[in-house]
Amino acid sequence: PIGCAAGLASMELMHENEPTFTTMEKWHKHELHKLRDHPKLKKHRVKGTTAAMEIDTDEEDGYLNPVANRIKEQCVDKGLLLRPLGNVLYLMPPYCTTRDQLSKMYNGITELLEE
């Protein structure tokens, strides 16, 4: 019962705050549009408040790609909290993220790609 109550409360909050989700999705798409021609990105996608992008490496694509370890180290050094799974980089910012903060995250991603 407690889990169900928490789930129902979460769904209620989602309905109340739907503009937040659609706005963040638009922000992601805007930022990813700037990166669309980056030579180190192959694919990018957005669903709601989550964005994902595939980094082009010499290794085989997928969750076992070793680039994730390098990205994790560099993210920590830059103060970014990102989720790399192999060569797929996920960006899942909290709902309270501002447009400025999201832009800083994407600027950090661009720096990572340049390195």
N, C-alpha and C. Protein backbone atom coordinates (compact mmCIF):
# COMPACT_ATOMS: atom_id res chain seq x y z
N PRO A 1 0.81 -1.22 0.00
CA PRO A 1 0.00 0.00 0.00
C PRO A 1 0.84 1.28 0.00
N ILE A 2 1.96 1.25 0.72
CA ILE A 2 2.80 2.45 0.77
C ILE A 2 3.40 2.72 -0.61
N GLY A 3 3.89 1.66 -1.26
CA GLY A 3 4.46 1.82 -2.60
C GLY A 3 3.43 2.34 -3.58
N CYS A 4 2.22 1.83 -3.50
CA CYS A 4 1.15 2.30 -4.40
C CYS A 4 0.83 3.76 -4.13
N ALA A 5 0.76 4.13 -2.86
CA ALA A 5 0.47 5.53 -2.52
C ALA A 5 1.57 6.45 -3.05
N ALA A 6 2.82 6.02 -2.92
CA ALA A 6 3.93 6.84 -3.44
C ALA A 6 3.85 6.94 -4.96
N GLY A 7 3.53 5.83 -5.62
CA GLY A 7 3.40 5.85 -7.07
C GLY A 7 2.28 6.76 -7.54
N LEU A 8 1.13 6.69 -6.85
CA LEU A 8 0.01 7.57 -7.21
C LEU A 8 0.35 9.03 -6.97
N ALA A 9 1.03 9.32 -5.88
CA ALA A 9 1.44 10.70 -5.59
C ALA A 9 2.42 11.20 -6.65
N SER A 10 3.32 10.32 -7.10
CA SER A 10 4.27 10.71 -8.15
C SER A 10 3.54 11.01 -9.45
N MET A 11 2.57 10.18 -9.80
CA MET A 11 1.80 10.41 -11.03
C MET A 11 1.03 11.72 -10.94
N GLU A 12 0.49 12.01 -9.77
CA GLU A 12 -0.24 13.26 -9.58
C GLU A 12 0.69 14.46 -9.77
N LEU A 13 1.89 14.38 -9.21
CA LEU A 13 2.86 15.45 -9.38
C LEU A 13 3.27 15.60 -10.85
N MET A 14 3.39 14.49 -11.55
CA MET A 14 3.74 14.57 -12.97
C MET A 14 2.66 15.30 -13.76
N HIS A 15 1.41 15.00 -13.45
CA HIS A 15 0.32 15.69 -14.16
C HIS A 15 0.27 17.17 -13.82
N GLU A 16 0.52 17.49 -12.56
CA GLU A 16 0.51 18.89 -12.13
C GLU A 16 1.66 19.68 -12.76
N ASN A 17 2.79 19.01 -12.97
CA ASN A 17 3.99 19.69 -13.45
C ASN A 17 4.34 19.32 -14.89
N GLU A 18 3.38 18.93 -15.68
CA GLU A 18 3.66 18.52 -17.05
C GLU A 18 4.40 19.58 -17.85
N PRO A 19 4.10 20.88 -17.69
CA PRO A 19 4.88 21.87 -18.44
C PRO A 19 6.38 21.80 -18.16
N THR A 20 6.76 21.41 -16.96
CA THR A 20 8.18 21.27 -16.62
C THR A 20 8.82 20.21 -17.50
N PHE A 21 8.16 19.09 -17.68
CA PHE A 21 8.71 18.01 -18.48
C PHE A 21 8.82 18.40 -19.95
N THR A 22 7.78 18.99 -20.48
CA THR A 22 7.81 19.36 -21.90
C THR A 22 8.82 20.47 -22.15
N THR A 23 8.97 21.38 -21.20
CA THR A 23 9.95 22.45 -21.34
C THR A 23 11.37 21.89 -21.34
N MET A 24 11.66 21.00 -20.41
CA MET A 24 13.00 20.43 -20.35
C MET A 24 13.29 19.63 -21.61
N GLU A 25 12.31 18.95 -22.16
CA GLU A 25 12.51 18.20 -23.40
C GLU A 25 12.88 19.16 -24.53
N LYS A 26 12.23 20.30 -24.59
CA LYS A 26 12.56 21.31 -25.61
C LYS A 26 13.98 21.83 -25.41
N TRP A 27 14.38 22.06 -24.17
CA TRP A 27 15.73 22.54 -23.89
C TRP A 27 16.77 21.52 -24.35
N HIS A 28 16.52 20.24 -24.03
CA HIS A 28 17.43 19.18 -24.47
C HIS A 28 17.57 19.20 -25.99
N LYS A 29 16.45 19.25 -26.68
CA LYS A 29 16.48 19.22 -28.14
C LYS A 29 17.24 20.42 -28.70
N HIS A 30 17.07 21.57 -28.09
CA HIS A 30 17.79 22.76 -28.53
C HIS A 30 19.30 22.58 -28.37
N GLU A 31 19.71 22.09 -27.21
CA GLU A 31 21.14 21.90 -26.94
C GLU A 31 21.73 20.81 -27.83
N LEU A 32 20.99 19.73 -28.02
CA LEU A 32 21.48 18.65 -28.88
C LEU A 32 21.55 19.07 -30.34
N HIS A 33 20.67 19.97 -30.72
CA HIS A 33 20.70 20.46 -32.10
C HIS A 33 22.04 21.16 -32.39
N LYS A 34 22.58 21.83 -31.38
CA LYS A 34 23.88 22.49 -31.54
C LYS A 34 25.01 21.46 -31.74
N LEU A 35 24.82 20.27 -31.18
CA LEU A 35 25.85 19.22 -31.27
C LEU A 35 25.62 18.26 -32.43
N ARG A 36 24.60 18.48 -33.23
CA ARG A 36 24.20 17.49 -34.25
C ARG A 36 25.31 17.14 -35.22
N ASP A 37 26.21 18.05 -35.51
CA ASP A 37 27.27 17.78 -36.49
C ASP A 37 28.61 17.49 -35.84
N HIS A 38 28.63 17.29 -34.54
CA HIS A 38 29.91 17.02 -33.86
C HIS A 38 30.45 15.68 -34.36
N PRO A 39 31.72 15.64 -34.76
CA PRO A 39 32.28 14.41 -35.34
C PRO A 39 32.38 13.23 -34.37
N LYS A 40 32.30 13.49 -33.08
CA LYS A 40 32.42 12.39 -32.12
C LYS A 40 31.08 11.87 -31.63
N LEU A 41 29.98 12.43 -32.13
CA LEU A 41 28.65 11.95 -31.75
C LEU A 41 28.00 11.28 -32.95
N LYS A 42 27.42 10.10 -32.69
CA LYS A 42 26.76 9.38 -33.78
C LYS A 42 25.25 9.53 -33.72
N LYS A 43 24.69 9.35 -32.58
CA LYS A 43 23.24 9.40 -32.43
C LYS A 43 22.90 10.15 -31.16
N HIS A 44 21.80 10.84 -31.19
CA HIS A 44 21.31 11.44 -29.96
C HIS A 44 19.79 11.36 -29.97
N ARG A 45 19.24 11.30 -28.77
CA ARG A 45 17.80 11.18 -28.63
C ARG A 45 17.34 11.79 -27.31
N VAL A 46 16.08 12.16 -27.29
CA VAL A 46 15.49 12.77 -26.10
C VAL A 46 14.13 12.15 -25.87
N LYS A 47 13.85 11.82 -24.64
CA LYS A 47 12.52 11.37 -24.24
C LYS A 47 12.21 12.01 -22.90
N GLY A 48 11.33 12.97 -22.92
CA GLY A 48 10.99 13.67 -21.69
C GLY A 48 12.17 14.46 -21.17
N THR A 49 12.55 14.19 -19.93
CA THR A 49 13.64 14.93 -19.31
C THR A 49 14.99 14.22 -19.45
N THR A 50 15.03 13.11 -20.18
CA THR A 50 16.25 12.34 -20.35
C THR A 50 16.77 12.47 -21.78
N ALA A 51 18.07 12.70 -21.89
CA ALA A 51 18.72 12.74 -23.20
C ALA A 51 19.82 11.69 -23.21
N ALA A 52 20.08 11.15 -24.40
CA ALA A 52 21.16 10.17 -24.56
C ALA A 52 21.88 10.47 -25.87
N MET A 53 23.17 10.21 -25.86
CA MET A 53 23.97 10.42 -27.06
C MET A 53 25.04 9.35 -27.13
N GLU A 54 25.34 8.90 -28.33
CA GLU A 54 26.35 7.87 -28.52
C GLU A 54 27.64 8.51 -29.00
N ILE A 55 28.72 8.16 -28.32
CA ILE A 55 30.03 8.70 -28.64
C ILE A 55 30.71 7.75 -29.61
N ASP A 56 31.24 8.29 -30.69
CA ASP A 56 31.92 7.49 -31.70
C ASP A 56 33.34 7.19 -31.22
N THR A 57 33.65 5.91 -31.06
CA THR A 57 34.99 5.49 -30.63
C THR A 57 35.49 4.42 -31.59
N ASP A 58 36.74 4.03 -31.41
CA ASP A 58 37.32 2.95 -32.22
C ASP A 58 36.89 1.57 -31.72
N GLU A 59 36.42 1.51 -30.47
CA GLU A 59 35.99 0.25 -29.90
C GLU A 59 34.56 -0.08 -30.33
N GLU A 60 34.15 -1.29 -30.03
CA GLU A 60 32.79 -1.73 -30.37
C GLU A 60 31.76 -0.96 -29.56
N ASP A 61 30.66 -0.58 -30.20
CA ASP A 61 29.58 0.13 -29.51
C ASP A 61 28.94 -0.77 -28.46
N GLY A 62 28.35 -0.14 -27.46
CA GLY A 62 27.61 -0.89 -26.46
C GLY A 62 28.07 -0.56 -25.05
N TYR A 63 27.42 -1.21 -24.11
CA TYR A 63 27.66 -0.92 -22.70
C TYR A 63 29.03 -1.35 -22.20
N LEU A 64 29.72 -2.18 -22.93
CA LEU A 64 31.04 -2.63 -22.51
C LEU A 64 32.17 -1.79 -23.09
N ASN A 65 31.84 -0.77 -23.84
CA ASN A 65 32.85 0.11 -24.42
C ASN A 65 33.62 0.79 -23.29
N PRO A 66 34.97 0.74 -23.31
CA PRO A 66 35.77 1.29 -22.20
C PRO A 66 35.79 2.81 -22.11
N VAL A 67 35.21 3.51 -23.06
CA VAL A 67 35.23 4.97 -22.99
C VAL A 67 34.48 5.48 -21.75
N ALA A 68 33.56 4.68 -21.22
CA ALA A 68 32.79 5.08 -20.05
C ALA A 68 33.68 5.43 -18.86
N ASN A 69 34.73 4.64 -18.65
CA ASN A 69 35.64 4.90 -17.53
C ASN A 69 36.34 6.24 -17.67
N ARG A 70 36.77 6.57 -18.89
CA ARG A 70 37.44 7.86 -19.12
C ARG A 70 36.46 9.01 -18.91
N ILE A 71 35.23 8.83 -19.38
CA ILE A 71 34.22 9.88 -19.23
C ILE A 71 33.91 10.11 -17.76
N LYS A 72 33.77 9.03 -16.99
CA LYS A 72 33.47 9.17 -15.56
C LYS A 72 34.53 10.01 -14.86
N GLU A 73 35.79 9.72 -15.13
CA GLU A 73 36.89 10.46 -14.50
C GLU A 73 36.84 11.93 -14.88
N GLN A 74 36.65 12.21 -16.16
CA GLN A 74 36.63 13.60 -16.62
C GLN A 74 35.40 14.34 -16.10
N CYS A 75 34.28 13.65 -15.99
CA CYS A 75 33.06 14.29 -15.47
C CYS A 75 33.27 14.74 -14.03
N VAL A 76 33.85 13.89 -13.23
CA VAL A 76 34.09 14.24 -11.83
C VAL A 76 35.00 15.46 -11.76
N ASP A 77 36.04 15.48 -12.58
CA ASP A 77 36.96 16.62 -12.59
C ASP A 77 36.26 17.92 -12.99
N LYS A 78 35.25 17.83 -13.83
CA LYS A 78 34.54 19.01 -14.31
C LYS A 78 33.30 19.34 -13.46
N GLY A 79 33.02 18.51 -12.46
CA GLY A 79 31.85 18.74 -11.62
C GLY A 79 30.54 18.37 -12.28
N LEU A 80 30.59 17.47 -13.26
CA LEU A 80 29.39 17.02 -13.96
C LEU A 80 28.94 15.68 -13.41
N LEU A 81 27.66 15.52 -13.26
CA LEU A 81 27.10 14.24 -12.84
C LEU A 81 26.34 13.68 -14.03
N LEU A 82 27.03 12.84 -14.81
CA LEU A 82 26.46 12.23 -16.00
C LEU A 82 26.50 10.72 -15.84
N ARG A 83 25.77 10.03 -16.70
CA ARG A 83 25.73 8.58 -16.59
C ARG A 83 26.20 7.95 -17.90
N PRO A 84 27.48 7.64 -18.00
CA PRO A 84 27.94 6.95 -19.20
C PRO A 84 27.78 5.43 -19.02
N LEU A 85 27.17 4.81 -19.99
CA LEU A 85 27.09 3.35 -20.03
C LEU A 85 27.74 2.94 -21.35
N GLY A 86 28.98 2.51 -21.27
CA GLY A 86 29.73 2.23 -22.48
C GLY A 86 29.92 3.52 -23.25
N ASN A 87 29.61 3.50 -24.53
CA ASN A 87 29.77 4.71 -25.33
C ASN A 87 28.48 5.54 -25.40
N VAL A 88 27.49 5.18 -24.58
CA VAL A 88 26.24 5.94 -24.53
C VAL A 88 26.25 6.80 -23.28
N LEU A 89 26.09 8.09 -23.49
CA LEU A 89 26.11 9.06 -22.40
C LEU A 89 24.68 9.52 -22.14
N TYR A 90 24.22 9.32 -20.90
CA TYR A 90 22.87 9.71 -20.52
C TYR A 90 22.91 10.97 -19.66
N LEU A 91 21.97 11.84 -19.92
CA LEU A 91 21.84 13.08 -19.15
C LEU A 91 20.44 13.08 -18.57
N MET A 92 20.36 12.98 -17.23
CA MET A 92 19.08 12.92 -16.54
C MET A 92 19.03 13.97 -15.43
N PRO A 93 18.90 15.23 -15.80
CA PRO A 93 18.92 16.28 -14.78
C PRO A 93 17.66 16.27 -13.93
N PRO A 94 17.77 16.72 -12.69
CA PRO A 94 16.57 16.82 -11.85
C PRO A 94 15.60 17.86 -12.43
N TYR A 95 14.36 17.74 -12.07
CA TYR A 95 13.32 18.61 -12.63
C TYR A 95 13.48 20.08 -12.25
N CYS A 96 14.25 20.35 -11.22
CA CYS A 96 14.45 21.74 -10.80
C CYS A 96 15.59 22.41 -11.56
N THR A 97 16.18 21.72 -12.54
CA THR A 97 17.30 22.26 -13.32
C THR A 97 16.83 23.46 -14.14
N THR A 98 17.65 24.51 -14.13
CA THR A 98 17.32 25.71 -14.92
C THR A 98 17.91 25.57 -16.32
N ARG A 99 17.47 26.44 -17.19
CA ARG A 99 17.99 26.44 -18.58
C ARG A 99 19.50 26.70 -18.58
N ASP A 100 19.93 27.64 -17.74
CA ASP A 100 21.37 27.94 -17.63
C ASP A 100 22.17 26.72 -17.18
N GLN A 101 21.66 26.04 -16.18
CA GLN A 101 22.36 24.87 -15.67
C GLN A 101 22.45 23.77 -16.73
N LEU A 102 21.37 23.58 -17.49
CA LEU A 102 21.40 22.57 -18.54
C LEU A 102 22.40 22.96 -19.63
N SER A 103 22.45 24.23 -19.97
CA SER A 103 23.42 24.69 -20.96
C SER A 103 24.85 24.44 -20.48
N LYS A 104 25.11 24.65 -19.20
CA LYS A 104 26.44 24.38 -18.65
C LYS A 104 26.79 22.89 -18.74
N MET A 105 25.77 22.04 -18.55
CA MET A 105 26.01 20.60 -18.68
C MET A 105 26.42 20.26 -20.11
N TYR A 106 25.70 20.82 -21.07
CA TYR A 106 26.03 20.55 -22.47
C TYR A 106 27.37 21.16 -22.86
N ASN A 107 27.72 22.30 -22.30
CA ASN A 107 29.05 22.88 -22.56
C ASN A 107 30.13 21.94 -22.02
N GLY A 108 29.87 21.36 -20.85
CA GLY A 108 30.81 20.40 -20.28
C GLY A 108 30.94 19.15 -21.14
N ILE A 109 29.83 18.71 -21.71
CA ILE A 109 29.86 17.55 -22.61
C ILE A 109 30.69 17.89 -23.85
N THR A 110 30.50 19.08 -24.38
CA THR A 110 31.28 19.50 -25.55
C THR A 110 32.77 19.50 -25.22
N GLU A 111 33.14 19.99 -24.04
CA GLU A 111 34.55 19.97 -23.62
C GLU A 111 35.06 18.54 -23.52
N LEU A 112 34.23 17.64 -22.96
CA LEU A 112 34.63 16.23 -22.86
C LEU A 112 34.89 15.64 -24.25
N LEU A 113 34.03 15.95 -25.18
CA LEU A 113 34.18 15.41 -26.53
C LEU A 113 35.44 15.94 -27.20
N GLU A 114 35.81 17.18 -26.89
CA GLU A 114 37.01 17.77 -27.49
C GLU A 114 38.28 17.14 -26.91
N GLU A 115 38.20 16.69 -25.68
CA GLU A 115 39.36 16.08 -25.03
C GLU A 115 39.50 14.65 -25.49
